[in-house]
Amino acid sequence: MRDYERELLLNAQHQGYHFENGREISDFELLAKLQHHGAATRMIDVSRNILVALWFACDSMRDKTGLLFGLHFSAINGFEGRPDKRSYNQVFDRKTDIATNEDDFDNTPTLWQPPVVTKRIAAQSAQYLYSRVSNDRTGSLSFRCGENIVNMIAITPEMKTKCLKILENTFDIRRFTLFPDIDGFCFSNSTNFGCHSNERW
């Protein structure tokens, strides 16, 4: 994982993607930017806004039951609104990039709030969770197990349809507003949708 992500950063830097509005961005800012445009990283997209998170849970695979996850703050390291200027190698070094079940600190993911390097990050109230490499049954994100650490709400396909209608009509949370960049604009105006799909009423 570490070798892949370092190679991804090097390739992105070679293409000049580590500059944003005339300034050089940090490794984590670059990873966030790449993640938001579809690149594979260890970062897990989360939102500070439960309604935004609900929209993503409902919009994905609409014909299958989805899950809305909530992690208790006691199960997370990190702070909101703090820059992280460390290099990738300073955060993930070879000796400490493996999570162990014996060490609770190792099994606590870190929350990171990126600066607003894209309109998409701002619109989605985006934050990221990341942890050391994990082979746990919970997946690649390693976290402590315990009561009230993780809450999950199942959302059936029928509920997805109802929730999306409420989110779009009442709260204006929809694809067009959550992806306010040229990629989102073009997708929202593609053949996947009708010519009036982006109109609220």
C-alpha atoms as a PDB file:
ATOM      1  CA  MET A   1       0.000   0.000   0.000  1.00  0.00           C
ATOM      2  CA  ARG A   2       2.744   2.410   0.998  1.00  0.00           C
ATOM      3  CA  ASP A   3       4.790   1.725  -2.131  1.00  0.00           C
ATOM      4  CA  TYR A   4       1.717   2.117  -4.348  1.00  0.00           C
ATOM      5  CA  GLU A   5       0.697   5.435  -2.768  1.00  0.00           C
ATOM      6  CA  ARG A   6       4.223   6.852  -2.938  1.00  0.00           C
ATOM      7  CA  GLU A   7       4.368   5.926  -6.630  1.00  0.00           C
ATOM      8  CA  LEU A   8       0.946   7.535  -7.159  1.00  0.00           C
ATOM      9  CA  LEU A   9       2.187  10.759  -5.544  1.00  0.00           C
ATOM     10  CA  LEU A  10       5.348  10.785  -7.673  1.00  0.00           C
ATOM     11  CA  ASN A  11       3.361  10.263 -10.872  1.00  0.00           C
ATOM     12  CA  ALA A  12       0.860  12.978  -9.920  1.00  0.00           C
ATOM     13  CA  GLN A  13       3.668  15.406  -9.075  1.00  0.00           C
ATOM     14  CA  HIS A  14       5.304  14.652 -12.425  1.00  0.00           C
ATOM     15  CA  GLN A  15       2.035  15.711 -14.085  1.00  0.00           C
ATOM     16  CA  GLY A  16       2.012  18.963 -12.086  1.00  0.00           C
ATOM     17  CA  TYR A  17      -1.036  18.111  -9.965  1.00  0.00           C
ATOM     18  CA  HIS A  18       0.739  19.151  -6.751  1.00  0.00           C
ATOM     19  CA  PHE A  19       0.112  22.812  -7.566  1.00  0.00           C
ATOM     20  CA  GLU A  20      -3.230  24.424  -6.756  1.00  0.00           C
ATOM     21  CA  ASN A  21      -3.965  28.128  -7.316  1.00  0.00           C
ATOM     22  CA  GLY A  22      -0.268  28.918  -7.644  1.00  0.00           C
ATOM     23  CA  ARG A  23       0.935  27.132  -4.503  1.00  0.00           C
ATOM     24  CA  GLU A  24       2.483  23.745  -3.898  1.00  0.00           C
ATOM     25  CA  ILE A  25       0.148  21.554  -1.863  1.00  0.00           C
ATOM     26  CA  SER A  26       1.166  18.969   0.739  1.00  0.00           C
ATOM     27  CA  ASP A  27       1.201  15.214   0.138  1.00  0.00           C
ATOM     28  CA  PHE A  28      -2.082  14.796   2.006  1.00  0.00           C
ATOM     29  CA  GLU A  29      -3.735  17.607   0.079  1.00  0.00           C
ATOM     30  CA  LEU A  30      -2.600  15.943  -3.132  1.00  0.00           C
ATOM     31  CA  LEU A  31      -3.931  12.554  -1.986  1.00  0.00           C
ATOM     32  CA  ALA A  32      -7.268  14.211  -1.158  1.00  0.00           C
ATOM     33  CA  LYS A  33      -7.371  15.834  -4.580  1.00  0.00           C
ATOM     34  CA  LEU A  34      -6.559  12.535  -6.307  1.00  0.00           C
ATOM     35  CA  GLN A  35      -9.104  10.641  -4.185  1.00  0.00           C
ATOM     36  CA  HIS A  36     -11.848  13.102  -5.063  1.00  0.00           C
ATOM     37  CA  HIS A  37     -11.156  12.606  -8.757  1.00  0.00           C
ATOM     38  CA  GLY A  38     -11.332   8.814  -8.546  1.00  0.00           C
ATOM     39  CA  ALA A  39      -7.789   7.646  -7.774  1.00  0.00           C
ATOM     40  CA  ALA A  40      -7.394   4.715  -5.368  1.00  0.00           C
ATOM     41  CA  THR A  41      -5.833   5.631  -1.997  1.00  0.00           C
ATOM     42  CA  ARG A  42      -6.105   4.301   1.543  1.00  0.00           C
ATOM     43  CA  MET A  43      -8.178   7.347   2.488  1.00  0.00           C
ATOM     44  CA  ILE A  44     -11.868   6.798   3.253  1.00  0.00           C
ATOM     45  CA  ASP A  45     -14.192   9.648   2.292  1.00  0.00           C
ATOM     46  CA  VAL A  46     -16.406  10.780   5.150  1.00  0.00           C
ATOM     47  CA  SER A  47     -18.548  13.849   5.716  1.00  0.00           C
ATOM     48  CA  ARG A  48     -19.227  16.080   8.698  1.00  0.00           C
ATOM     49  CA  ASN A  49     -22.776  16.399   7.384  1.00  0.00           C
ATOM     50  CA  ILE A  50     -24.952  13.328   8.040  1.00  0.00           C
ATOM     51  CA  LEU A  51     -27.357  14.339   5.254  1.00  0.00           C
ATOM     52  CA  VAL A  52     -24.525  14.380   2.725  1.00  0.00           C
ATOM     53  CA  ALA A  53     -23.386  10.972   3.961  1.00  0.00           C
ATOM     54  CA  LEU A  54     -26.963   9.708   3.649  1.00  0.00           C
ATOM     55  CA  TRP A  55     -27.123  10.932   0.043  1.00  0.00           C
ATOM     56  CA  PHE A  56     -23.992   8.978  -0.872  1.00  0.00           C
ATOM     57  CA  ALA A  57     -25.306   5.859   0.875  1.00  0.00           C
ATOM     58  CA  CYS A  58     -28.572   6.151  -1.071  1.00  0.00           C
ATOM     59  CA  ASP A  59     -27.201   7.129  -4.475  1.00  0.00           C
ATOM     60  CA  SER A  60     -24.764   4.229  -4.721  1.00  0.00           C
ATOM     61  CA  MET A  61     -26.108   0.885  -5.992  1.00  0.00           C
ATOM     62  CA  ARG A  62     -29.733   1.967  -5.667  1.00  0.00           C
ATOM     63  CA  ASP A  63     -31.056  -1.556  -6.176  1.00  0.00           C
ATOM     64  CA  LYS A  64     -29.216  -2.949  -3.124  1.00  0.00           C
ATOM     65  CA  THR A  65     -29.425  -2.331   0.611  1.00  0.00           C
ATOM     66  CA  GLY A  66     -26.814   0.177   1.740  1.00  0.00           C
ATOM     67  CA  LEU A  67     -25.238   1.085   5.057  1.00  0.00           C
ATOM     68  CA  LEU A  68     -24.765   4.473   6.661  1.00  0.00           C
ATOM     69  CA  PHE A  69     -21.783   4.305   9.038  1.00  0.00           C
ATOM     70  CA  GLY A  70     -21.164   6.505  12.057  1.00  0.00           C
ATOM     71  CA  LEU A  71     -17.953   6.396  14.084  1.00  0.00           C
ATOM     72  CA  HIS A  72     -17.900   7.743  17.647  1.00  0.00           C
ATOM     73  CA  PHE A  73     -15.360  10.530  18.162  1.00  0.00           C
ATOM     74  CA  SER A  74     -13.600   8.512  20.883  1.00  0.00           C
ATOM     75  CA  ALA A  75     -12.580   5.987  18.210  1.00  0.00           C
ATOM     76  CA  ILE A  76     -10.759   8.561  16.077  1.00  0.00           C
ATOM     77  CA  ASN A  77      -7.483  10.493  16.305  1.00  0.00           C
ATOM     78  CA  GLY A  78      -6.906  13.865  14.699  1.00  0.00           C
ATOM     79  CA  PHE A  79      -8.399  17.337  14.703  1.00  0.00           C
ATOM     80  CA  GLU A  80     -10.535  19.423  12.389  1.00  0.00           C
ATOM     81  CA  GLY A  81      -9.174  22.548  10.797  1.00  0.00           C
ATOM     82  CA  ARG A  82      -5.495  21.750  11.356  1.00  0.00           C
ATOM     83  CA  PRO A  83      -2.957  21.656   8.530  1.00  0.00           C
ATOM     84  CA  ASP A  84      -0.768  18.587   8.120  1.00  0.00           C
ATOM     85  CA  LYS A  85       2.431  19.598   6.356  1.00  0.00           C
ATOM     86  CA  ARG A  86       4.197  16.298   7.031  1.00  0.00           C
ATOM     87  CA  SER A  87       5.409  14.351   4.035  1.00  0.00           C
ATOM     88  CA  TYR A  88       3.853  11.021   3.199  1.00  0.00           C
ATOM     89  CA  ASN A  89       6.960   9.202   4.473  1.00  0.00           C
ATOM     90  CA  GLN A  90       6.759  11.003   7.814  1.00  0.00           C
ATOM     91  CA  VAL A  91       3.192   9.787   8.349  1.00  0.00           C
ATOM     92  CA  PHE A  92       3.619   6.257   7.017  1.00  0.00           C
ATOM     93  CA  ASP A  93       7.032   4.776   7.547  1.00  0.00           C
ATOM     94  CA  ARG A  94       7.987   1.157   7.017  1.00  0.00           C
ATOM     95  CA  LYS A  95       8.247   0.295  10.720  1.00  0.00           C
ATOM     96  CA  THR A  96       4.886   1.677  11.857  1.00  0.00           C
ATOM     97  CA  ASP A  97       2.627   1.124   8.852  1.00  0.00           C
ATOM     98  CA  ILE A  98       1.236  -2.192  10.088  1.00  0.00           C
ATOM     99  CA  ALA A  99      -1.677  -2.223  12.526  1.00  0.00           C
ATOM    100  CA  THR A 100      -1.589  -4.708  15.386  1.00  0.00           C
ATOM    101  CA  ASN A 101      -4.581  -5.876  17.402  1.00  0.00           C
ATOM    102  CA  GLU A 102      -2.605  -5.607  20.644  1.00  0.00           C
ATOM    103  CA  ASP A 103      -2.018  -1.884  20.438  1.00  0.00           C
ATOM    104  CA  ASP A 104      -5.189   0.232  20.639  1.00  0.00           C
ATOM    105  CA  PHE A 105      -3.404   3.356  19.405  1.00  0.00           C
ATOM    106  CA  ASP A 106      -2.288   1.513  16.294  1.00  0.00           C
ATOM    107  CA  ASN A 107      -5.895   0.504  15.693  1.00  0.00           C
ATOM    108  CA  THR A 108      -7.305   4.017  15.904  1.00  0.00           C
ATOM    109  CA  PRO A 109      -7.891   5.739  12.557  1.00  0.00           C
ATOM    110  CA  THR A 110      -6.951   9.364  12.077  1.00  0.00           C
ATOM    111  CA  LEU A 111      -9.408  11.970  10.851  1.00  0.00           C
ATOM    112  CA  TRP A 112      -8.076  14.680   8.578  1.00  0.00           C
ATOM    113  CA  GLN A 113      -9.968  17.682   7.250  1.00  0.00           C
ATOM    114  CA  PRO A 114      -8.449  18.896   4.002  1.00  0.00           C
ATOM    115  CA  PRO A 115      -8.299  22.564   3.129  1.00  0.00           C
ATOM    116  CA  VAL A 116     -10.734  23.575   0.432  1.00  0.00           C
ATOM    117  CA  VAL A 117      -8.554  22.690  -2.539  1.00  0.00           C
ATOM    118  CA  THR A 118     -11.620  21.929  -4.663  1.00  0.00           C
ATOM    119  CA  LYS A 119     -15.237  23.114  -4.648  1.00  0.00           C
ATOM    120  CA  ARG A 120     -16.249  19.468  -4.328  1.00  0.00           C
ATOM    121  CA  ILE A 121     -14.492  19.104  -0.963  1.00  0.00           C
ATOM    122  CA  ALA A 122     -16.321  22.168   0.369  1.00  0.00           C
ATOM    123  CA  ALA A 123     -19.744  21.143  -0.963  1.00  0.00           C
ATOM    124  CA  GLN A 124     -19.467  17.669   0.555  1.00  0.00           C
ATOM    125  CA  SER A 125     -18.141  18.827   3.967  1.00  0.00           C
ATOM    126  CA  ALA A 126     -15.419  16.318   3.214  1.00  0.00           C
ATOM    127  CA  GLN A 127     -13.026  14.770   5.664  1.00  0.00           C
ATOM    128  CA  TYR A 128     -10.886  11.655   5.424  1.00  0.00           C
ATOM    129  CA  LEU A 129     -10.185   8.716   7.657  1.00  0.00           C
ATOM    130  CA  TYR A 130      -7.000   6.739   7.287  1.00  0.00           C
ATOM    131  CA  SER A 131      -5.136   4.164   9.297  1.00  0.00           C
ATOM    132  CA  ARG A 132      -2.187   1.883   9.085  1.00  0.00           C
ATOM    133  CA  VAL A 133      -2.431  -1.119   6.795  1.00  0.00           C
ATOM    134  CA  SER A 134      -4.940  -3.582   8.217  1.00  0.00           C
ATOM    135  CA  ASN A 135      -6.048  -7.106   7.416  1.00  0.00           C
ATOM    136  CA  ASP A 136      -8.924  -6.972   9.907  1.00  0.00           C
ATOM    137  CA  ARG A 137     -12.330  -8.391   9.052  1.00  0.00           C
ATOM    138  CA  THR A 138     -13.611  -4.809   9.131  1.00  0.00           C
ATOM    139  CA  GLY A 139     -11.618  -4.052   5.990  1.00  0.00           C
ATOM    140  CA  SER A 140      -8.680  -1.825   5.228  1.00  0.00           C
ATOM    141  CA  LEU A 141      -9.622   0.772   7.863  1.00  0.00           C
ATOM    142  CA  SER A 142      -8.352  -0.398  11.228  1.00  0.00           C
ATOM    143  CA  PHE A 143     -10.284   0.662  14.325  1.00  0.00           C
ATOM    144  CA  ARG A 144     -10.875  -0.553  17.851  1.00  0.00           C
ATOM    145  CA  CYS A 145     -13.845  -2.809  18.419  1.00  0.00           C
ATOM    146  CA  GLY A 146     -16.168  -2.050  21.297  1.00  0.00           C
ATOM    147  CA  GLU A 147     -19.629  -0.932  22.284  1.00  0.00           C
ATOM    148  CA  ASN A 148     -20.968   2.194  20.615  1.00  0.00           C
ATOM    149  CA  ILE A 149     -17.811   2.718  18.554  1.00  0.00           C
ATOM    150  CA  VAL A 150     -19.496   2.057  15.211  1.00  0.00           C
ATOM    151  CA  ASN A 151     -23.174   2.588  14.412  1.00  0.00           C
ATOM    152  CA  MET A 152     -24.671   1.301  11.175  1.00  0.00           C
ATOM    153  CA  ILE A 153     -28.073   2.014   9.678  1.00  0.00           C
ATOM    154  CA  ALA A 154     -29.316  -0.254   6.891  1.00  0.00           C
ATOM    155  CA  ILE A 155     -31.100   1.487   4.017  1.00  0.00           C
ATOM    156  CA  THR A 156     -33.258  -0.648   1.741  1.00  0.00           C
ATOM    157  CA  PRO A 157     -33.691   0.183  -1.973  1.00  0.00           C
ATOM    158  CA  GLU A 158     -37.188   1.501  -1.215  1.00  0.00           C
ATOM    159  CA  MET A 159     -35.845   3.768   1.530  1.00  0.00           C
ATOM    160  CA  LYS A 160     -33.072   4.967  -0.776  1.00  0.00           C
ATOM    161  CA  THR A 161     -35.643   6.235  -3.262  1.00  0.00           C
ATOM    162  CA  LYS A 162     -37.622   8.033  -0.548  1.00  0.00           C
ATOM    163  CA  CYS A 163     -34.545   9.526   1.123  1.00  0.00           C
ATOM    164  CA  LEU A 164     -33.106  10.816  -2.158  1.00  0.00           C
ATOM    165  CA  LYS A 165     -36.391  12.578  -2.956  1.00  0.00           C
ATOM    166  CA  ILE A 166     -36.443  14.272   0.472  1.00  0.00           C
ATOM    167  CA  LEU A 167     -32.749  15.185   0.342  1.00  0.00           C
ATOM    168  CA  GLU A 168     -33.063  16.685  -3.136  1.00  0.00           C
ATOM    169  CA  ASN A 169     -36.394  18.492  -2.748  1.00  0.00           C
ATOM    170  CA  THR A 170     -36.104  19.693   0.860  1.00  0.00           C
ATOM    171  CA  PHE A 171     -32.379  20.128   1.506  1.00  0.00           C
ATOM    172  CA  ASP A 172     -31.079  20.693  -2.058  1.00  0.00           C
ATOM    173  CA  ILE A 173     -28.599  17.860  -1.538  1.00  0.00           C
ATOM    174  CA  ARG A 174     -28.191  16.294  -4.964  1.00  0.00           C
ATOM    175  CA  ARG A 175     -25.506  15.439  -7.496  1.00  0.00           C
ATOM    176  CA  PHE A 176     -25.505  18.884  -9.075  1.00  0.00           C
ATOM    177  CA  THR A 177     -24.822  20.663  -5.750  1.00  0.00           C
ATOM    178  CA  LEU A 178     -22.423  18.049  -4.317  1.00  0.00           C
ATOM    179  CA  PHE A 179     -20.183  18.029  -7.401  1.00  0.00           C
ATOM    180  CA  PRO A 180     -19.873  21.754  -8.277  1.00  0.00           C
ATOM    181  CA  ASP A 181     -16.913  21.362 -10.638  1.00  0.00           C
ATOM    182  CA  ILE A 182     -16.668  20.794 -14.365  1.00  0.00           C
ATOM    183  CA  ASP A 183     -16.570  16.996 -13.963  1.00  0.00           C
ATOM    184  CA  GLY A 184     -19.772  17.067 -11.891  1.00  0.00           C
ATOM    185  CA  PHE A 185     -21.417  19.581 -14.223  1.00  0.00           C
ATOM    186  CA  CYS A 186     -20.691  17.473 -17.297  1.00  0.00           C
ATOM    187  CA  PHE A 187     -21.819  14.229 -15.641  1.00  0.00           C
ATOM    188  CA  SER A 188     -25.029  15.882 -14.411  1.00  0.00           C
ATOM    189  CA  ASN A 189     -25.676  17.030 -17.986  1.00  0.00           C
ATOM    190  CA  SER A 190     -24.818  13.714 -19.642  1.00  0.00           C
ATOM    191  CA  THR A 191     -27.133  11.201 -21.294  1.00  0.00           C
ATOM    192  CA  ASN A 192     -27.608   9.535 -17.881  1.00  0.00           C
ATOM    193  CA  PHE A 193     -30.132  12.215 -16.914  1.00  0.00           C
ATOM    194  CA  GLY A 194     -33.044  14.112 -18.409  1.00  0.00           C
ATOM    195  CA  CYS A 195     -32.681  17.690 -19.647  1.00  0.00           C
ATOM    196  CA  HIS A 196     -34.465  19.093 -16.551  1.00  0.00           C
ATOM    197  CA  SER A 197     -32.887  16.777 -13.943  1.00  0.00           C
ATOM    198  CA  ASN A 198     -30.782  19.542 -12.403  1.00  0.00           C
ATOM    199  CA  GLU A 199     -33.728  21.835 -11.770  1.00  0.00           C
ATOM    200  CA  ARG A 200     -34.905  21.710  -8.192  1.00  0.00           C
ATOM    201  CA  TRP A 201     -38.590  22.240  -8.928  1.00  0.00           C
END
